[in-house]
C-alpha cells in the first residue's frame, strides 16, 4: 500500500509505503517527502528506509515523477506515474556497474 498525503498547506507531499506478505506481516516499510526546493528551482525527494535515506532531485513526468540515486556501485531509478485508469504505477530499475539492468520493484496500486 501507499498512503499519500499533502502536508503543510499543500507544500509537502508525504508518501508512506508498506508491503505485507500473504499473512499480513510487514516486509517493507518506507517513507518519503517531496517538496519544491527554491534554491534549485526544482523538486527534491528524501526517501527513508531501514535506517538510511536518499536525498535526490525529483524530475516531473507528464503524469508522475522519477528520481535516481547511487547505492554503492549501482544506480537505482524509481518512476511513479498515474495510468489512464487512475492507478498508481511504481517501478524501480537497478543498473549494475557493468551496464546490466534489472527491475527490482513493480507495483500497480488502485485508490481506495
N, C-alpha and C. Protein backbone atom coordinates (compact mmCIF):
# COMPACT_ATOMS: atom_id res chain seq x y z
N UNK A 1 0.84 -1.19 0.00
CA UNK A 1 0.00 0.00 0.00
C UNK A 1 0.88 1.24 0.00
N UNK A 2 0.34 2.30 -0.51
CA UNK A 2 0.99 3.61 -0.46
C UNK A 2 -0.03 4.59 0.09
N UNK A 3 0.32 5.27 1.15
CA UNK A 3 -0.53 6.32 1.70
C UNK A 3 0.12 7.64 1.30
N UNK A 4 -0.66 8.49 0.64
CA UNK A 4 -0.13 9.74 0.10
C UNK A 4 -0.96 10.89 0.65
N UNK A 5 -0.31 11.83 1.31
CA UNK A 5 -0.99 12.96 1.93
C UNK A 5 -0.23 14.25 1.67
N UNK A 6 -0.97 15.32 1.41
CA UNK A 6 -0.37 16.66 1.38
C UNK A 6 -0.28 17.16 2.80
N UNK A 7 0.84 17.82 3.12
CA UNK A 7 1.07 18.40 4.44
C UNK A 7 1.49 19.85 4.28
N UNK A 8 1.51 20.59 5.38
CA UNK A 8 1.97 21.98 5.41
C UNK A 8 1.31 22.84 4.34
N UNK A 9 -0.01 22.86 4.37
CA UNK A 9 -0.80 23.66 3.44
C UNK A 9 -0.53 23.28 1.98
N UNK A 10 -0.25 22.00 1.74
CA UNK A 10 -0.06 21.52 0.38
C UNK A 10 1.33 21.73 -0.19
N UNK A 11 2.28 22.18 0.62
CA UNK A 11 3.63 22.44 0.10
C UNK A 11 4.55 21.23 0.21
N UNK A 12 4.09 20.18 0.88
CA UNK A 12 4.89 18.98 1.05
C UNK A 12 4.00 17.76 0.81
N UNK A 13 4.52 16.80 0.07
CA UNK A 13 3.81 15.55 -0.18
C UNK A 13 4.49 14.47 0.64
N UNK A 14 3.72 13.76 1.45
CA UNK A 14 4.23 12.69 2.29
C UNK A 14 3.75 11.37 1.70
N UNK A 15 4.70 10.46 1.41
CA UNK A 15 4.38 9.16 0.81
C UNK A 15 4.89 8.09 1.75
N UNK A 16 3.98 7.23 2.21
CA UNK A 16 4.35 6.15 3.12
C UNK A 16 3.98 4.82 2.47
N UNK A 17 4.98 3.98 2.26
CA UNK A 17 4.77 2.69 1.62
C UNK A 17 4.95 1.55 2.60
N UNK A 18 4.03 0.59 2.54
CA UNK A 18 4.10 -0.60 3.39
C UNK A 18 3.81 -1.82 2.54
N UNK A 19 4.71 -2.79 2.58
CA UNK A 19 4.49 -4.05 1.89
C UNK A 19 4.26 -5.15 2.90
N UNK A 20 3.30 -6.02 2.64
CA UNK A 20 2.96 -7.11 3.55
C UNK A 20 3.00 -8.44 2.81
N UNK A 21 3.33 -9.50 3.54
CA UNK A 21 3.29 -10.82 2.93
C UNK A 21 1.87 -11.36 2.99
N UNK A 22 1.67 -12.57 2.49
CA UNK A 22 0.32 -13.15 2.42
C UNK A 22 -0.33 -13.27 3.79
N UNK A 23 0.45 -13.38 4.85
CA UNK A 23 -0.09 -13.48 6.20
C UNK A 23 -0.32 -12.14 6.87
N UNK A 24 0.02 -11.05 6.20
CA UNK A 24 -0.20 -9.71 6.75
C UNK A 24 0.98 -9.11 7.46
N UNK A 25 2.09 -9.86 7.57
CA UNK A 25 3.27 -9.31 8.24
C UNK A 25 3.97 -8.28 7.36
N UNK A 26 4.44 -7.19 7.96
CA UNK A 26 5.13 -6.14 7.22
C UNK A 26 6.51 -6.66 6.78
N UNK A 27 6.77 -6.58 5.48
CA UNK A 27 8.07 -7.00 4.93
C UNK A 27 8.82 -5.82 4.30
N UNK A 28 8.16 -4.68 4.19
CA UNK A 28 8.77 -3.49 3.59
C UNK A 28 8.09 -2.28 4.17
N UNK A 29 8.88 -1.28 4.53
CA UNK A 29 8.33 -0.03 5.05
C UNK A 29 9.24 1.11 4.61
N UNK A 30 8.65 2.15 4.05
CA UNK A 30 9.42 3.30 3.58
C UNK A 30 8.58 4.56 3.73
N UNK A 31 9.27 5.69 3.80
CA UNK A 31 8.61 6.98 3.94
C UNK A 31 9.39 7.98 3.10
N UNK A 32 8.68 8.87 2.41
CA UNK A 32 9.35 9.88 1.59
C UNK A 32 8.63 11.21 1.72
N UNK A 33 9.41 12.29 1.60
CA UNK A 33 8.85 13.63 1.50
C UNK A 33 9.25 14.21 0.15
N UNK A 34 8.33 14.92 -0.46
CA UNK A 34 8.57 15.58 -1.75
C UNK A 34 8.17 17.04 -1.58
N UNK A 35 9.08 17.94 -1.96
CA UNK A 35 8.79 19.37 -1.81
C UNK A 35 9.56 20.17 -2.85
N UNK A 36 9.05 21.36 -3.12
CA UNK A 36 9.74 22.28 -4.02
C UNK A 36 10.96 22.83 -3.29
N UNK A 37 12.07 22.95 -4.02
CA UNK A 37 13.32 23.48 -3.47
C UNK A 37 13.64 24.78 -4.18
N UNK A 38 13.39 25.90 -3.50
CA UNK A 38 13.55 27.22 -4.13
C UNK A 38 14.97 27.47 -4.65
N UNK A 39 16.05 27.15 -3.91
CA UNK A 39 17.39 27.43 -4.43
C UNK A 39 17.70 26.76 -5.78
N UNK A 40 17.18 25.54 -5.98
CA UNK A 40 17.45 24.85 -7.25
C UNK A 40 16.32 25.06 -8.27
N UNK A 41 15.22 25.70 -7.83
CA UNK A 41 14.05 25.91 -8.66
C UNK A 41 13.51 24.58 -9.22
N UNK A 42 13.55 23.56 -8.36
CA UNK A 42 13.07 22.23 -8.74
C UNK A 42 12.53 21.50 -7.53
N UNK A 43 12.23 20.24 -7.70
CA UNK A 43 11.69 19.43 -6.62
C UNK A 43 12.75 18.46 -6.11
N UNK A 44 12.64 18.12 -4.82
CA UNK A 44 13.53 17.16 -4.20
C UNK A 44 12.70 16.11 -3.48
N UNK A 45 13.25 14.92 -3.41
CA UNK A 45 12.65 13.85 -2.65
C UNK A 45 13.66 13.37 -1.62
N UNK A 46 13.19 13.13 -0.43
CA UNK A 46 14.01 12.49 0.60
C UNK A 46 13.24 11.25 1.00
N UNK A 47 13.85 10.09 0.73
CA UNK A 47 13.20 8.81 0.97
C UNK A 47 13.96 8.05 2.06
N UNK A 48 13.22 7.50 3.02
CA UNK A 48 13.79 6.80 4.16
C UNK A 48 13.39 5.33 4.13
N UNK A 49 14.37 4.45 4.45
CA UNK A 49 14.09 3.02 4.54
C UNK A 49 15.22 2.35 5.31
N UNK A 50 14.85 1.52 6.26
CA UNK A 50 15.79 0.69 7.03
C UNK A 50 16.93 1.50 7.64
N UNK A 51 16.62 2.67 8.19
CA UNK A 51 17.63 3.49 8.86
C UNK A 51 18.50 4.31 7.93
N UNK A 52 18.25 4.28 6.65
CA UNK A 52 19.01 5.05 5.67
C UNK A 52 18.08 6.02 4.95
N UNK A 53 18.66 7.00 4.28
CA UNK A 53 17.84 7.87 3.46
C UNK A 53 18.59 8.28 2.20
N UNK A 54 17.80 8.69 1.21
CA UNK A 54 18.32 9.20 -0.06
C UNK A 54 17.72 10.59 -0.24
N UNK A 55 18.55 11.55 -0.63
CA UNK A 55 18.09 12.90 -0.94
C UNK A 55 18.44 13.13 -2.40
N UNK A 56 17.43 13.29 -3.25
CA UNK A 56 17.69 13.35 -4.69
C UNK A 56 16.80 14.37 -5.38
N UNK A 57 17.27 14.80 -6.55
CA UNK A 57 16.45 15.64 -7.42
C UNK A 57 15.30 14.80 -7.93
N UNK A 58 14.12 15.40 -7.98
CA UNK A 58 12.93 14.73 -8.49
C UNK A 58 12.57 15.36 -9.82
N UNK A 59 12.44 14.57 -10.84
CA UNK A 59 12.08 15.06 -12.17
C UNK A 59 10.60 14.79 -12.42
N UNK A 60 9.89 15.83 -12.85
CA UNK A 60 8.48 15.68 -13.15
C UNK A 60 8.31 15.05 -14.52
N UNK A 61 7.36 14.12 -14.62
CA UNK A 61 6.97 13.50 -15.88
C UNK A 61 5.57 13.98 -16.22
N UNK A 62 5.06 13.60 -17.38
CA UNK A 62 3.73 14.07 -17.79
C UNK A 62 2.67 13.73 -16.75
N UNK A 63 2.67 12.52 -16.23
CA UNK A 63 1.68 12.13 -15.22
C UNK A 63 2.35 11.44 -14.05
N UNK A 64 3.48 12.01 -13.60
CA UNK A 64 4.18 11.41 -12.47
C UNK A 64 5.53 12.04 -12.25
N UNK A 65 6.45 11.24 -11.73
CA UNK A 65 7.78 11.74 -11.42
C UNK A 65 8.76 10.57 -11.34
N UNK A 66 10.07 10.91 -11.37
CA UNK A 66 11.10 9.91 -11.18
C UNK A 66 12.30 10.53 -10.50
N UNK A 67 13.08 9.69 -9.86
CA UNK A 67 14.33 10.13 -9.26
C UNK A 67 15.34 8.99 -9.33
N UNK A 68 16.60 9.38 -9.37
CA UNK A 68 17.70 8.44 -9.50
C UNK A 68 18.71 8.70 -8.39
N UNK A 69 19.29 7.62 -7.88
CA UNK A 69 20.33 7.76 -6.86
C UNK A 69 21.33 6.62 -6.98
N UNK A 70 22.52 6.84 -6.45
CA UNK A 70 23.56 5.83 -6.40
C UNK A 70 23.46 5.10 -5.06
N UNK A 71 23.60 3.79 -5.10
CA UNK A 71 23.64 2.95 -3.90
C UNK A 71 24.90 2.11 -4.02
N UNK A 72 25.99 2.65 -3.50
CA UNK A 72 27.27 1.99 -3.70
C UNK A 72 27.60 2.01 -5.19
N UNK A 73 27.91 0.85 -5.77
CA UNK A 73 28.29 0.81 -7.18
C UNK A 73 27.11 0.77 -8.16
N UNK A 74 25.88 0.68 -7.66
CA UNK A 74 24.72 0.57 -8.55
C UNK A 74 23.96 1.89 -8.62
N UNK A 75 23.19 2.05 -9.69
CA UNK A 75 22.33 3.21 -9.88
C UNK A 75 20.89 2.74 -9.88
N UNK A 76 20.05 3.38 -9.08
CA UNK A 76 18.64 3.00 -8.97
C UNK A 76 17.79 4.15 -9.47
N UNK A 77 16.84 3.83 -10.37
CA UNK A 77 15.89 4.82 -10.85
C UNK A 77 14.49 4.37 -10.44
N UNK A 78 13.77 5.25 -9.75
CA UNK A 78 12.39 4.99 -9.34
C UNK A 78 11.48 5.86 -10.17
N UNK A 79 10.39 5.28 -10.67
CA UNK A 79 9.46 6.01 -11.52
C UNK A 79 8.04 5.74 -11.02
N UNK A 80 7.28 6.80 -10.82
CA UNK A 80 5.89 6.68 -10.39
C UNK A 80 5.02 7.49 -11.35
N UNK A 81 3.98 6.85 -11.86
CA UNK A 81 3.07 7.52 -12.79
C UNK A 81 1.64 7.06 -12.54
N UNK A 82 0.71 7.91 -12.88
CA UNK A 82 -0.71 7.57 -12.81
C UNK A 82 -1.14 7.16 -14.21
N UNK A 83 -1.75 5.96 -14.32
CA UNK A 83 -2.16 5.47 -15.64
C UNK A 83 -3.54 6.00 -16.02
N UNK A 84 -4.03 5.61 -17.20
CA UNK A 84 -5.30 6.12 -17.71
C UNK A 84 -6.50 5.71 -16.86
N UNK A 85 -6.35 4.68 -16.02
CA UNK A 85 -7.43 4.24 -15.13
C UNK A 85 -7.32 4.87 -13.74
N UNK A 86 -6.33 5.76 -13.56
CA UNK A 86 -6.15 6.40 -12.27
C UNK A 86 -5.35 5.58 -11.28
N UNK A 87 -4.74 4.49 -11.75
CA UNK A 87 -3.93 3.66 -10.86
C UNK A 87 -2.51 4.22 -10.77
N UNK A 88 -1.86 3.99 -9.65
CA UNK A 88 -0.50 4.44 -9.37
C UNK A 88 0.43 3.31 -9.77
N UNK A 89 1.27 3.56 -10.77
CA UNK A 89 2.25 2.58 -11.23
C UNK A 89 3.61 2.98 -10.70
N UNK A 90 4.29 2.04 -10.03
CA UNK A 90 5.59 2.34 -9.45
C UNK A 90 6.57 1.24 -9.83
N UNK A 91 7.72 1.64 -10.38
CA UNK A 91 8.78 0.69 -10.72
C UNK A 91 10.12 1.22 -10.22
N UNK A 92 11.01 0.30 -9.91
CA UNK A 92 12.39 0.62 -9.56
C UNK A 92 13.29 -0.22 -10.45
N UNK A 93 14.17 0.44 -11.18
CA UNK A 93 15.12 -0.24 -12.06
C UNK A 93 16.53 -0.01 -11.53
N UNK A 94 17.31 -1.09 -11.49
CA UNK A 94 18.67 -1.03 -10.98
C UNK A 94 19.65 -1.31 -12.11
N UNK A 95 20.68 -0.47 -12.20
CA UNK A 95 21.74 -0.68 -13.20
C UNK A 95 23.03 -1.02 -12.47
N UNK A 96 23.62 -2.16 -12.85
CA UNK A 96 24.88 -2.61 -12.27
C UNK A 96 26.05 -1.91 -12.94
N UNK A 97 27.22 -1.91 -12.31
CA UNK A 97 28.38 -1.22 -12.90
C UNK A 97 28.74 -1.71 -14.30
N UNK A 98 28.44 -2.97 -14.61
CA UNK A 98 28.77 -3.50 -15.95
C UNK A 98 27.70 -3.17 -16.99
N UNK A 99 26.67 -2.39 -16.60
CA UNK A 99 25.64 -1.97 -17.53
C UNK A 99 24.38 -2.83 -17.52
N UNK A 100 24.45 -4.02 -16.93
CA UNK A 100 23.25 -4.86 -16.85
C UNK A 100 22.20 -4.17 -15.98
N UNK A 101 20.93 -4.37 -16.34
CA UNK A 101 19.83 -3.76 -15.60
C UNK A 101 18.81 -4.82 -15.21
N UNK A 102 18.12 -4.56 -14.11
CA UNK A 102 17.00 -5.41 -13.72
C UNK A 102 15.98 -4.58 -12.96
N UNK A 103 14.74 -5.04 -13.00
CA UNK A 103 13.64 -4.37 -12.30
C UNK A 103 13.51 -5.02 -10.93
N UNK A 104 13.65 -4.22 -9.88
CA UNK A 104 13.58 -4.75 -8.52
C UNK A 104 12.22 -4.54 -7.85
N UNK A 105 11.43 -3.58 -8.35
CA UNK A 105 10.11 -3.32 -7.81
C UNK A 105 9.16 -3.03 -8.96
N UNK A 106 7.95 -3.59 -8.89
CA UNK A 106 6.92 -3.27 -9.87
C UNK A 106 5.58 -3.40 -9.14
N UNK A 107 4.88 -2.27 -9.00
CA UNK A 107 3.59 -2.24 -8.31
C UNK A 107 2.58 -1.50 -9.14
N UNK A 108 1.35 -1.92 -9.04
CA UNK A 108 0.22 -1.22 -9.64
C UNK A 108 -0.84 -1.12 -8.57
N UNK A 109 -1.11 0.10 -8.10
CA UNK A 109 -1.99 0.32 -6.96
C UNK A 109 -3.23 1.08 -7.38
N UNK A 110 -4.37 0.70 -6.82
CA UNK A 110 -5.64 1.39 -7.08
C UNK A 110 -6.04 2.17 -5.84
N UNK A 111 -6.68 3.32 -6.05
CA UNK A 111 -7.11 4.17 -4.94
C UNK A 111 -8.26 3.50 -4.18
N UNK A 112 -8.19 3.60 -2.87
CA UNK A 112 -9.26 3.06 -2.03
C UNK A 112 -9.98 4.17 -1.31
